[in-house]
N, C-alpha and C. Protein backbone atom coordinates (compact mmCIF):
# COMPACT_ATOMS: atom_id res chain seq x y z
N MET A 1 -20.52 23.71 -31.29
CA MET A 1 -20.41 25.01 -31.89
C MET A 1 -21.30 25.97 -31.12
N ALA A 2 -20.71 26.84 -30.36
CA ALA A 2 -21.47 27.79 -29.55
C ALA A 2 -21.76 29.04 -30.37
N PHE A 3 -22.91 29.63 -30.12
CA PHE A 3 -23.26 30.87 -30.79
C PHE A 3 -24.17 31.67 -29.89
N ASN A 4 -24.30 32.94 -30.18
CA ASN A 4 -25.15 33.82 -29.40
C ASN A 4 -26.56 33.74 -29.95
N ILE A 5 -27.46 33.11 -29.20
CA ILE A 5 -28.83 32.92 -29.67
C ILE A 5 -29.55 34.25 -29.84
N LYS A 6 -29.37 35.17 -28.91
CA LYS A 6 -30.05 36.46 -29.03
C LYS A 6 -29.60 37.20 -30.28
N LYS A 7 -28.32 37.11 -30.59
CA LYS A 7 -27.82 37.76 -31.80
C LYS A 7 -28.39 37.07 -33.04
N PHE A 8 -28.49 35.73 -33.01
CA PHE A 8 -28.97 34.96 -34.16
C PHE A 8 -30.45 35.22 -34.42
N PHE A 9 -31.26 35.23 -33.35
CA PHE A 9 -32.71 35.37 -33.52
C PHE A 9 -33.20 36.79 -33.28
N GLY A 10 -32.38 37.66 -32.81
CA GLY A 10 -32.84 38.99 -32.46
C GLY A 10 -33.26 39.02 -31.00
N SER A 11 -34.04 40.00 -30.63
CA SER A 11 -34.41 40.14 -29.21
C SER A 11 -35.78 39.54 -28.94
N GLY A 12 -36.08 38.38 -29.51
CA GLY A 12 -37.37 37.71 -29.32
C GLY A 12 -37.54 37.19 -27.91
N ASP A 13 -38.32 36.13 -27.76
CA ASP A 13 -38.64 35.57 -26.45
C ASP A 13 -37.55 34.65 -25.92
N ILE A 14 -36.47 34.46 -26.65
CA ILE A 14 -35.41 33.56 -26.22
C ILE A 14 -34.65 34.18 -25.06
N THR A 15 -34.55 33.44 -23.94
CA THR A 15 -33.85 33.99 -22.79
C THR A 15 -32.51 33.32 -22.55
N SER A 16 -32.34 32.07 -23.02
CA SER A 16 -31.07 31.40 -22.81
C SER A 16 -30.89 30.28 -23.83
N GLU A 17 -29.65 29.86 -23.95
CA GLU A 17 -29.34 28.76 -24.87
C GLU A 17 -29.95 27.45 -24.38
N ASP A 18 -30.18 27.32 -23.06
CA ASP A 18 -30.78 26.10 -22.51
C ASP A 18 -32.15 25.83 -23.09
N GLU A 19 -32.87 26.88 -23.45
CA GLU A 19 -34.20 26.68 -24.01
C GLU A 19 -34.16 25.98 -25.35
N TYR A 20 -33.04 25.99 -26.00
CA TYR A 20 -32.93 25.34 -27.30
C TYR A 20 -32.14 24.05 -27.24
N TYR A 21 -31.90 23.54 -26.02
CA TYR A 21 -31.21 22.29 -25.79
C TYR A 21 -29.91 22.22 -26.58
N THR A 22 -29.80 21.31 -27.51
CA THR A 22 -28.54 21.11 -28.22
C THR A 22 -28.69 21.40 -29.72
N LEU A 23 -29.53 22.33 -30.09
CA LEU A 23 -29.72 22.62 -31.50
C LEU A 23 -28.50 23.31 -32.10
N SER A 24 -28.13 22.89 -33.30
CA SER A 24 -27.08 23.58 -34.04
C SER A 24 -27.69 24.82 -34.69
N VAL A 25 -26.88 25.64 -35.30
CA VAL A 25 -27.37 26.83 -35.98
C VAL A 25 -28.34 26.44 -37.09
N GLU A 26 -28.02 25.38 -37.83
CA GLU A 26 -28.89 24.94 -38.92
C GLU A 26 -30.23 24.43 -38.38
N GLU A 27 -30.18 23.66 -37.31
CA GLU A 27 -31.42 23.14 -36.72
C GLU A 27 -32.26 24.27 -36.15
N ALA A 28 -31.61 25.26 -35.54
CA ALA A 28 -32.34 26.41 -34.99
C ALA A 28 -33.03 27.18 -36.11
N ALA A 29 -32.37 27.32 -37.25
CA ALA A 29 -32.97 28.01 -38.39
C ALA A 29 -34.17 27.22 -38.92
N LYS A 30 -34.05 25.89 -38.98
CA LYS A 30 -35.18 25.06 -39.41
C LYS A 30 -36.34 25.20 -38.44
N GLU A 31 -36.05 25.23 -37.15
CA GLU A 31 -37.09 25.38 -36.13
C GLU A 31 -37.81 26.70 -36.31
N GLU A 32 -37.07 27.75 -36.62
CA GLU A 32 -37.65 29.07 -36.81
C GLU A 32 -38.63 29.07 -37.99
N THR A 33 -38.35 28.31 -39.04
CA THR A 33 -39.22 28.25 -40.21
C THR A 33 -40.25 27.14 -40.10
N GLY A 34 -40.20 26.35 -39.03
CA GLY A 34 -41.18 25.29 -38.83
C GLY A 34 -40.83 23.98 -39.50
N GLU A 35 -39.61 23.84 -40.01
CA GLU A 35 -39.22 22.63 -40.73
C GLU A 35 -38.50 21.61 -39.85
N GLY A 36 -38.20 21.93 -38.61
CA GLY A 36 -37.37 21.07 -37.79
C GLY A 36 -38.07 20.06 -36.92
N SER A 37 -39.38 20.19 -36.68
CA SER A 37 -40.08 19.29 -35.78
C SER A 37 -40.45 17.98 -36.48
N LYS A 38 -40.23 16.89 -35.75
CA LYS A 38 -40.57 15.57 -36.27
C LYS A 38 -41.28 14.78 -35.20
N MET A 39 -42.04 13.78 -35.62
CA MET A 39 -42.61 12.82 -34.69
C MET A 39 -41.94 11.49 -35.01
N ILE A 40 -41.28 10.92 -34.01
CA ILE A 40 -40.54 9.69 -34.17
C ILE A 40 -41.32 8.56 -33.51
N LEU A 41 -41.52 7.45 -34.22
CA LEU A 41 -42.18 6.27 -33.68
C LEU A 41 -41.13 5.21 -33.41
N LEU A 42 -41.06 4.74 -32.17
CA LEU A 42 -40.03 3.76 -31.80
C LEU A 42 -40.63 2.57 -31.07
N GLU A 43 -40.07 1.39 -31.35
CA GLU A 43 -40.38 0.17 -30.63
C GLU A 43 -39.06 -0.41 -30.11
N PRO A 44 -38.61 0.08 -28.96
CA PRO A 44 -37.32 -0.41 -28.45
C PRO A 44 -37.38 -1.91 -28.17
N ARG A 45 -36.25 -2.57 -28.37
CA ARG A 45 -36.15 -4.02 -28.10
C ARG A 45 -35.30 -4.30 -26.87
N ALA A 46 -34.66 -3.24 -26.33
CA ALA A 46 -33.81 -3.39 -25.15
C ALA A 46 -33.68 -2.03 -24.46
N PHE A 47 -33.31 -2.08 -23.19
CA PHE A 47 -33.13 -0.85 -22.42
C PHE A 47 -32.07 0.06 -23.04
N SER A 48 -31.09 -0.53 -23.70
CA SER A 48 -30.00 0.26 -24.29
C SER A 48 -30.49 1.27 -25.32
N GLU A 49 -31.70 1.10 -25.84
CA GLU A 49 -32.25 2.04 -26.82
C GLU A 49 -32.87 3.28 -26.17
N SER A 50 -32.88 3.32 -24.84
CA SER A 50 -33.43 4.47 -24.11
C SER A 50 -32.68 5.76 -24.44
N GLN A 51 -31.39 5.65 -24.60
CA GLN A 51 -30.59 6.84 -24.90
C GLN A 51 -30.98 7.45 -26.25
N GLN A 52 -31.33 6.60 -27.20
CA GLN A 52 -31.78 7.10 -28.50
C GLN A 52 -33.06 7.93 -28.35
N ILE A 53 -33.97 7.46 -27.51
CA ILE A 53 -35.20 8.19 -27.25
C ILE A 53 -34.86 9.56 -26.65
N ALA A 54 -33.96 9.56 -25.65
CA ALA A 54 -33.55 10.81 -25.01
C ALA A 54 -32.89 11.76 -26.01
N ASP A 55 -32.08 11.22 -26.92
CA ASP A 55 -31.42 12.06 -27.92
C ASP A 55 -32.43 12.75 -28.83
N TYR A 56 -33.47 12.01 -29.25
CA TYR A 56 -34.52 12.62 -30.07
C TYR A 56 -35.24 13.74 -29.30
N LEU A 57 -35.52 13.49 -28.02
CA LEU A 57 -36.20 14.49 -27.21
C LEU A 57 -35.34 15.73 -27.02
N LYS A 58 -34.04 15.55 -26.81
CA LYS A 58 -33.12 16.69 -26.65
C LYS A 58 -33.09 17.55 -27.90
N LYS A 59 -33.34 16.94 -29.06
CA LYS A 59 -33.36 17.69 -30.32
C LYS A 59 -34.75 18.23 -30.62
N ARG A 60 -35.62 18.19 -29.58
CA ARG A 60 -36.96 18.76 -29.64
C ARG A 60 -37.90 18.04 -30.59
N ASN A 61 -37.75 16.73 -30.71
CA ASN A 61 -38.68 15.92 -31.49
C ASN A 61 -39.66 15.23 -30.55
N THR A 62 -40.86 14.98 -31.03
CA THR A 62 -41.85 14.21 -30.29
C THR A 62 -41.58 12.74 -30.56
N VAL A 63 -41.69 11.91 -29.51
CA VAL A 63 -41.42 10.48 -29.67
C VAL A 63 -42.60 9.68 -29.12
N VAL A 64 -43.08 8.74 -29.94
CA VAL A 64 -44.09 7.78 -29.49
C VAL A 64 -43.35 6.48 -29.25
N VAL A 65 -43.43 5.97 -28.01
CA VAL A 65 -42.70 4.76 -27.62
C VAL A 65 -43.70 3.63 -27.42
N ASN A 66 -43.50 2.54 -28.17
CA ASN A 66 -44.33 1.34 -28.04
C ASN A 66 -43.48 0.27 -27.36
N LEU A 67 -43.88 -0.17 -26.18
CA LEU A 67 -43.08 -1.10 -25.39
C LEU A 67 -43.46 -2.56 -25.58
N LYS A 68 -44.15 -2.89 -26.66
CA LYS A 68 -44.63 -4.27 -26.81
C LYS A 68 -43.51 -5.27 -27.09
N ARG A 69 -42.34 -4.82 -27.47
CA ARG A 69 -41.24 -5.72 -27.80
C ARG A 69 -40.24 -5.91 -26.67
N VAL A 70 -40.53 -5.38 -25.49
CA VAL A 70 -39.63 -5.55 -24.35
C VAL A 70 -40.38 -6.21 -23.20
N THR A 71 -39.63 -6.77 -22.27
CA THR A 71 -40.24 -7.38 -21.09
C THR A 71 -40.80 -6.27 -20.20
N PRO A 72 -41.74 -6.60 -19.31
CA PRO A 72 -42.27 -5.57 -18.41
C PRO A 72 -41.18 -4.88 -17.56
N ASP A 73 -40.17 -5.64 -17.12
CA ASP A 73 -39.09 -5.04 -16.33
C ASP A 73 -38.28 -4.04 -17.17
N GLN A 74 -37.97 -4.41 -18.42
CA GLN A 74 -37.23 -3.50 -19.29
C GLN A 74 -38.09 -2.28 -19.62
N GLY A 75 -39.38 -2.50 -19.84
CA GLY A 75 -40.29 -1.40 -20.13
C GLY A 75 -40.33 -0.39 -18.99
N LYS A 76 -40.36 -0.88 -17.76
CA LYS A 76 -40.35 0.01 -16.60
C LYS A 76 -39.06 0.81 -16.54
N ARG A 77 -37.93 0.16 -16.79
CA ARG A 77 -36.64 0.86 -16.78
C ARG A 77 -36.59 1.93 -17.87
N ILE A 78 -37.12 1.60 -19.06
CA ILE A 78 -37.13 2.57 -20.17
C ILE A 78 -37.97 3.79 -19.78
N ILE A 79 -39.16 3.53 -19.24
CA ILE A 79 -40.04 4.64 -18.86
C ILE A 79 -39.40 5.48 -17.75
N ASP A 80 -38.75 4.84 -16.80
CA ASP A 80 -38.06 5.59 -15.74
C ASP A 80 -36.96 6.48 -16.31
N PHE A 81 -36.17 5.93 -17.24
CA PHE A 81 -35.08 6.70 -17.85
C PHE A 81 -35.64 7.88 -18.65
N VAL A 82 -36.65 7.61 -19.48
CA VAL A 82 -37.23 8.66 -20.32
C VAL A 82 -37.93 9.71 -19.46
N SER A 83 -38.56 9.28 -18.37
CA SER A 83 -39.20 10.24 -17.46
C SER A 83 -38.17 11.21 -16.88
N GLY A 84 -37.01 10.69 -16.51
CA GLY A 84 -35.94 11.55 -16.00
C GLY A 84 -35.47 12.53 -17.04
N CYS A 85 -35.34 12.06 -18.26
CA CYS A 85 -34.93 12.94 -19.36
C CYS A 85 -35.97 14.03 -19.58
N LEU A 86 -37.24 13.64 -19.59
CA LEU A 86 -38.31 14.62 -19.80
C LEU A 86 -38.36 15.65 -18.68
N TYR A 87 -38.11 15.20 -17.46
CA TYR A 87 -38.06 16.15 -16.35
C TYR A 87 -36.94 17.16 -16.56
N ALA A 88 -35.79 16.67 -16.99
CA ALA A 88 -34.63 17.54 -17.17
C ALA A 88 -34.85 18.59 -18.26
N ILE A 89 -35.58 18.25 -19.31
CA ILE A 89 -35.79 19.20 -20.41
C ILE A 89 -37.14 19.91 -20.33
N GLY A 90 -37.91 19.62 -19.28
CA GLY A 90 -39.21 20.29 -19.11
C GLY A 90 -40.29 19.73 -20.00
N GLY A 91 -40.14 18.48 -20.45
CA GLY A 91 -41.12 17.86 -21.32
C GLY A 91 -42.21 17.15 -20.55
N SER A 92 -43.01 16.37 -21.28
CA SER A 92 -44.09 15.63 -20.62
C SER A 92 -44.32 14.29 -21.31
N MET A 93 -45.01 13.40 -20.58
CA MET A 93 -45.31 12.07 -21.09
C MET A 93 -46.79 11.81 -20.87
N GLN A 94 -47.42 11.18 -21.85
CA GLN A 94 -48.82 10.81 -21.74
C GLN A 94 -48.99 9.38 -22.23
N LYS A 95 -49.72 8.58 -21.47
CA LYS A 95 -49.98 7.21 -21.88
C LYS A 95 -51.11 7.21 -22.90
N LEU A 96 -50.86 6.61 -24.06
CA LEU A 96 -51.86 6.56 -25.12
C LEU A 96 -52.66 5.26 -25.09
N GLY A 97 -52.03 4.21 -24.63
CA GLY A 97 -52.68 2.90 -24.59
C GLY A 97 -51.80 1.95 -23.81
N ASP A 98 -52.09 0.68 -23.91
CA ASP A 98 -51.34 -0.33 -23.19
C ASP A 98 -49.91 -0.41 -23.71
N GLY A 99 -48.96 0.14 -22.96
CA GLY A 99 -47.56 0.11 -23.34
C GLY A 99 -47.16 1.11 -24.40
N ILE A 100 -48.01 2.10 -24.69
CA ILE A 100 -47.70 3.11 -25.70
C ILE A 100 -47.72 4.48 -25.04
N PHE A 101 -46.61 5.23 -25.19
CA PHE A 101 -46.45 6.51 -24.51
C PHE A 101 -46.07 7.60 -25.51
N LEU A 102 -46.65 8.77 -25.33
CA LEU A 102 -46.33 9.96 -26.11
C LEU A 102 -45.40 10.83 -25.27
N CYS A 103 -44.18 11.06 -25.77
CA CYS A 103 -43.17 11.85 -25.06
C CYS A 103 -42.94 13.13 -25.85
N THR A 104 -43.13 14.26 -25.20
CA THR A 104 -43.01 15.54 -25.90
C THR A 104 -42.07 16.48 -25.17
N PRO A 105 -41.21 17.18 -25.92
CA PRO A 105 -40.38 18.22 -25.30
C PRO A 105 -41.25 19.43 -24.98
N LYS A 106 -40.68 20.43 -24.32
CA LYS A 106 -41.49 21.56 -23.86
C LYS A 106 -41.96 22.47 -24.98
N ASN A 107 -41.43 22.33 -26.18
CA ASN A 107 -41.89 23.17 -27.29
C ASN A 107 -43.16 22.63 -27.94
N ILE A 108 -43.66 21.48 -27.49
CA ILE A 108 -44.87 20.87 -28.06
C ILE A 108 -45.98 20.88 -27.02
N ASN A 109 -47.14 21.39 -27.40
CA ASN A 109 -48.30 21.38 -26.51
C ASN A 109 -49.26 20.30 -26.99
N VAL A 110 -49.69 19.45 -26.07
CA VAL A 110 -50.63 18.38 -26.38
C VAL A 110 -51.96 18.75 -25.76
N GLN A 111 -53.02 18.72 -26.56
CA GLN A 111 -54.35 19.00 -26.03
C GLN A 111 -55.13 17.71 -25.92
N GLY A 112 -55.89 17.57 -24.85
CA GLY A 112 -56.71 16.39 -24.63
C GLY A 112 -55.95 15.31 -23.90
N LYS A 113 -56.68 14.32 -23.45
CA LYS A 113 -56.09 13.19 -22.72
C LYS A 113 -56.75 11.91 -23.20
N MET A 114 -55.98 10.83 -23.14
CA MET A 114 -56.51 9.51 -23.44
C MET A 114 -56.86 8.87 -22.10
N THR A 115 -58.07 8.35 -21.96
CA THR A 115 -58.46 7.73 -20.71
C THR A 115 -58.77 6.26 -20.93
N GLU A 116 -58.45 5.47 -19.94
CA GLU A 116 -58.79 4.05 -19.95
C GLU A 116 -59.95 3.77 -19.02
N GLU A 117 -60.37 4.78 -18.26
CA GLU A 117 -61.40 4.62 -17.25
C GLU A 117 -62.71 4.12 -17.87
N GLU A 118 -63.13 4.71 -18.97
CA GLU A 118 -64.38 4.30 -19.60
C GLU A 118 -64.31 2.88 -20.10
N ASP A 119 -63.15 2.47 -20.62
CA ASP A 119 -62.99 1.09 -21.07
C ASP A 119 -63.20 0.12 -19.92
N SER A 120 -62.65 0.43 -18.75
CA SER A 120 -62.79 -0.47 -17.62
C SER A 120 -64.23 -0.49 -17.13
N LYS A 121 -64.95 0.65 -17.19
CA LYS A 121 -66.37 0.68 -16.81
C LYS A 121 -67.18 -0.20 -17.75
N VAL A 122 -66.88 -0.12 -19.04
CA VAL A 122 -67.60 -0.94 -20.02
C VAL A 122 -67.34 -2.41 -19.75
N ARG A 123 -66.08 -2.77 -19.46
CA ARG A 123 -65.75 -4.17 -19.17
C ARG A 123 -66.48 -4.66 -17.93
N ARG A 124 -66.51 -3.81 -16.89
CA ARG A 124 -67.19 -4.21 -15.64
C ARG A 124 -68.68 -4.41 -15.90
N THR A 125 -69.29 -3.51 -16.68
CA THR A 125 -70.71 -3.63 -17.00
C THR A 125 -70.95 -4.88 -17.82
N LYS A 126 -70.07 -5.15 -18.76
CA LYS A 126 -70.21 -6.34 -19.60
C LYS A 126 -70.11 -7.60 -18.76
N ASN A 127 -69.15 -7.65 -17.83
CA ASN A 127 -68.99 -8.81 -16.96
C ASN A 127 -70.22 -8.99 -16.07
N ILE A 128 -70.77 -7.89 -15.57
CA ILE A 128 -71.95 -8.00 -14.70
C ILE A 128 -73.13 -8.54 -15.49
N THR A 129 -73.33 -8.03 -16.70
CA THR A 129 -74.48 -8.49 -17.49
C THR A 129 -74.30 -9.92 -17.97
N GLU A 130 -73.05 -10.34 -18.20
CA GLU A 130 -72.82 -11.73 -18.62
C GLU A 130 -73.10 -12.70 -17.49
N ASP A 131 -72.92 -12.25 -16.23
CA ASP A 131 -73.17 -13.12 -15.09
C ASP A 131 -74.66 -13.42 -14.93
N PHE A 132 -75.53 -12.56 -15.40
CA PHE A 132 -76.97 -12.76 -15.22
C PHE A 132 -77.57 -13.49 -16.33
């Protein structure tokens, strides 16, 4: 169902329908009132579930993907597929932990970063002190 976004929202900051991906009129109205955003938590069991992740992202939802239920090869394929989707929609991905990724469309801003560097420093220090 195609519609004129500028006519629907007025002359706001909207420049094209592409900025709203595949939102219907109802979803666009929910987004305008702040009721449309969701955070989806997923634990895919196979690569075939990658499309579901992409579909949620296209609808401007945030997705947390936990890869603990797939093999490392399938996990890599899923991340590659989702990375391509995020590139296409202007989104971003951040690693939260071992096999856990935060995937956000461009309408979501994430502040801060999760680092594993300090954990590895602590482990190295612990190993050094245990050796003595």
